[in-house]
Protein backbone atom coordinates (compact mmCIF):
# COMPACT_ATOMS: atom_id res chain seq x y z
CA MET A 1 129.31 15.05 115.24
CA PRO A 2 128.84 14.61 118.99
CA LYS A 3 127.10 17.41 120.87
CA ILE A 4 129.42 19.54 123.02
CA ALA A 5 128.58 18.88 126.66
CA GLU A 6 128.30 21.61 129.27
CA ALA A 7 131.19 20.02 131.16
CA GLN A 8 133.39 20.47 128.06
CA ILE A 9 132.50 24.17 127.88
CA VAL A 10 133.18 24.65 131.60
CA GLY A 11 136.43 22.67 131.26
CA LYS A 12 137.59 24.83 128.36
CA ARG A 13 136.90 28.00 130.36
CA MET A 14 138.78 26.59 133.35
CA HIS A 15 141.79 25.68 131.20
CA GLU A 16 141.83 29.17 129.67
CA LYS A 17 141.72 30.76 133.15
CA LEU A 18 144.56 28.55 134.40
CA GLU A 19 146.63 29.44 131.31
CA GLU A 20 146.04 33.18 131.89
CA GLU A 21 147.11 32.85 135.54
CA ASP A 22 150.16 30.82 134.53
CA LEU A 23 151.26 33.53 132.08
CA LEU A 24 151.51 35.95 135.03
CA MET A 25 154.20 33.76 136.65
CA PRO A 26 157.63 35.36 136.21
CA ARG A 27 160.05 32.94 134.52
CA GLU A 28 163.17 32.96 132.44
CA ALA A 29 163.93 30.54 129.67
CA ALA A 30 165.99 27.60 130.92
CA SER A 31 169.50 27.26 129.57
CA GLU A 32 170.80 23.99 128.11
CA GLU A 33 172.86 23.53 131.27
CA GLU A 34 169.74 23.92 133.45
CA LEU A 35 167.77 21.51 131.27
CA SER A 36 170.52 18.89 131.55
CA ASP A 37 170.86 19.30 135.34
CA SER A 38 168.11 17.28 137.01
CA SER A 39 168.69 19.09 140.31
CA VAL A 40 167.36 22.35 138.79
CA ASP A 41 163.59 22.68 139.21
CA LEU A 42 161.66 23.64 136.06
CA ASP A 43 158.23 25.20 135.69
CA ILE A 44 157.20 24.93 132.06
CA PRO A 45 154.36 27.26 130.97
CA ARG A 46 150.95 25.62 130.64
CA GLU A 47 150.10 24.08 127.26
CA ALA A 48 153.63 24.92 126.00
CA VAL A 49 154.82 21.41 125.17
CA GLN A 50 153.52 19.22 122.38
CA ILE A 51 154.37 15.55 122.48
CA VAL A 52 154.36 13.21 119.49
CA ILE A 53 154.57 9.44 119.52
CA GLU A 54 155.31 7.92 116.13
CA ARG A 55 154.54 4.24 115.61
CA PHE A 56 154.37 1.97 112.59
CA ASN A 57 151.85 -0.87 112.27
CA LYS A 58 151.26 -1.30 108.52
CA GLU A 59 150.64 2.46 108.53
CA LYS A 60 152.39 5.31 110.31
CA PHE A 61 150.51 6.44 113.38
CA TYR A 62 151.12 9.73 115.16
CA TYR A 63 149.71 10.21 118.63
CA ILE A 64 149.85 13.92 119.38
CA GLY A 65 148.91 15.77 122.54
CA LYS A 66 149.58 18.77 124.76
CA PRO A 67 149.83 18.16 128.49
CA ASP A 68 148.22 20.88 130.60
CA LYS A 69 151.31 21.42 132.74
CA ILE A 70 154.82 19.97 133.17
CA VAL A 71 157.21 20.61 136.05
CA ARG A 72 160.50 19.12 137.15
CA LYS A 73 160.95 19.07 140.90
CA ASN A 74 163.54 17.21 142.96
CA GLY A 75 164.85 15.62 139.76
CA ASN A 76 161.50 14.12 138.72
CA VAL A 77 159.16 15.18 135.93
CA LEU A 78 155.49 15.59 136.81
CA ILE A 79 152.89 15.83 134.04
CA ILE A 80 149.66 17.42 135.25
CA ASP A 81 146.19 17.22 133.75
CA ASP A 82 143.23 19.26 135.05
CA ARG A 83 139.73 17.76 134.88
CA ILE A 84 136.29 19.10 135.70
CA THR A 85 134.17 16.69 137.74
CA LYS A 86 131.12 16.86 139.98
CA LYS A 87 132.61 14.62 142.67
CA LYS A 88 135.86 12.93 143.63
CA HIS A 89 136.40 9.56 141.97
CA GLU A 90 139.17 7.31 140.80
CA PRO A 91 140.39 8.41 137.36
CA TYR A 92 138.73 6.62 134.47
CA PRO A 93 140.93 4.22 132.47
CA ASP A 94 140.88 6.49 129.39
CA LYS A 95 142.28 9.34 131.51
CA ILE A 96 145.08 7.10 132.81
CA LEU A 97 145.78 6.08 129.21
CA GLN A 98 145.94 9.73 128.10
CA LEU A 99 148.42 10.60 130.86
CA CYS A 100 150.50 7.53 129.97
CA CYS A 101 150.64 8.85 126.39
CA TYR A 102 151.90 12.18 127.70
CA CYS A 103 154.55 10.45 129.84
CA GLU A 104 155.69 8.21 126.99
CA GLY A 105 155.73 11.14 124.58
CA PHE A 106 157.78 13.21 126.99
CA VAL A 107 160.29 10.39 127.41
CA ARG A 108 160.57 9.88 123.64
CA ASN A 109 160.66 13.57 122.70
CA PHE A 110 162.58 15.22 125.50
CA SER A 111 164.73 12.73 127.45
CA ASN A 112 167.74 13.73 125.34
CA LYS A 113 167.21 17.43 126.27
CA VAL A 114 165.73 17.39 129.78
CA ALA A 115 167.41 15.31 132.47
CA PHE A 116 165.18 13.61 135.02
CA ASN A 117 165.18 10.61 137.32
CA LYS A 118 161.57 9.40 137.15
CA ILE A 119 158.37 10.53 135.51
CA PHE A 120 155.01 10.87 137.25
CA PHE A 121 151.56 12.11 136.31
CA LYS A 122 148.92 13.87 138.35
CA ILE A 123 145.24 14.23 137.59
CA VAL A 124 143.77 17.29 139.31
CA GLN A 125 139.99 16.96 139.66
CA ARG A 126 138.28 20.35 140.00
CA ASP A 127 134.68 21.40 140.41
CA SER A 128 133.03 23.78 137.92
CA ASN A 129 134.39 26.77 139.92
CA GLY A 130 137.97 25.51 139.64
CA LYS A 131 138.25 24.38 143.27
CA ILE A 132 140.46 21.31 143.65
CA LEU A 133 138.44 18.30 144.82
CA GLN A 134 141.15 15.67 144.58
CA GLU A 135 144.62 15.05 143.17
CA VAL A 136 145.66 11.58 142.02
CA GLU A 137 149.37 11.07 141.39
CA ARG A 138 151.04 7.95 139.99
CA GLY A 139 154.42 6.96 138.70
CA TYR A 140 154.78 5.99 135.06
CA THR A 141 155.68 2.35 135.72
CA ASP A 142 156.61 -0.57 133.50
CA ASP A 143 153.06 -1.93 133.99
CA LEU A 144 151.59 1.31 132.66
CA LYS A 145 154.05 1.33 129.74
CA GLU A 146 152.93 -2.20 128.86
CA MET A 147 149.24 -1.23 129.14
CA LEU A 148 149.87 1.73 126.81
CA ALA A 149 151.68 -0.45 124.26
CA GLU A 150 148.82 -2.99 124.31
CA ASN A 151 146.25 -0.23 123.73
CA PHE A 152 148.29 1.22 120.86
CA SER A 153 148.45 -2.23 119.29
CA VAL A 154 144.70 -2.84 119.64
CA PHE A 155 143.78 0.59 118.24
CA GLU A 156 146.15 0.18 115.30
CA SER A 157 144.90 -3.35 114.61
CA ILE A 158 141.31 -2.09 114.55
CA PHE A 159 142.31 0.74 112.21
CA ASN A 160 144.12 -1.72 109.94
CA LYS A 161 141.04 -3.99 110.05
CA ASP A 162 143.12 -6.86 111.43
CA ILE A 163 140.68 -7.23 114.32
CA ARG A 164 137.14 -6.06 114.98
CA PRO A 165 136.40 -3.62 117.77
CA THR A 166 134.64 -4.91 120.84
CA HIS A 167 131.40 -3.29 121.89
CA HIS A 168 131.53 -1.06 124.93
CA ASN A 169 127.76 -0.96 125.61
CA ASN A 170 127.79 2.76 126.30
CA GLY A 171 125.62 5.19 124.33
CA ASN A 172 127.83 8.17 125.20
CA LYS A 173 130.90 6.41 123.83
CA CYS A 174 128.97 5.48 120.70
CA ARG A 175 127.99 9.10 120.12
CA ALA A 176 131.62 10.19 120.50
CA CYS A 177 133.07 7.35 118.41
CA GLY A 178 133.97 7.91 114.78
CA PHE A 179 134.03 4.19 114.00
CA ASN A 180 130.92 3.16 112.10
CA CYS A 181 130.39 -0.37 113.38
CA LYS A 182 127.38 -2.67 113.20
CA TRP A 183 126.77 -2.26 116.97
CA ARG A 184 126.31 1.51 116.89
CA MET A 185 123.75 2.49 119.56
CA ILE A 186 122.60 5.83 118.14
């Protein structure tokens, strides 16, 4: 089992603090009419929505996650993820992939209940004190949908042993990986 990093502990504390603050926000449950009217802004409580993506590739696969925060503003849905970092940087590809999963899951699970025009995601990079260092926002585009589908296919093919995983040459990833391959670095 990988060792829990200090950044993970700090990140968990930050998420808990943001959830506590969010609970203090006065809100009323949205009616079906409000959900189906994209002109009505929505502020969904933090960690309140679970998304599920079901796929079949020899086996059933369920990709499950909980976005940190979801809002609908000006007719568009924005999925927000908070990250702890020491300095501003472009989001790592795995973070973009995670947010694409949230966007795709929201579309699949809620587009018949919540009206919206477009869907976006935002990665909020915070320091260990919770101060915002940078916000990176992107639209969930056809290119990102295609990238997500390709990654699903590769993961599922590795799981089904149709293809072999490629080595990532990163000791940290090896320690966190549950796949017991011949290239394991630890």
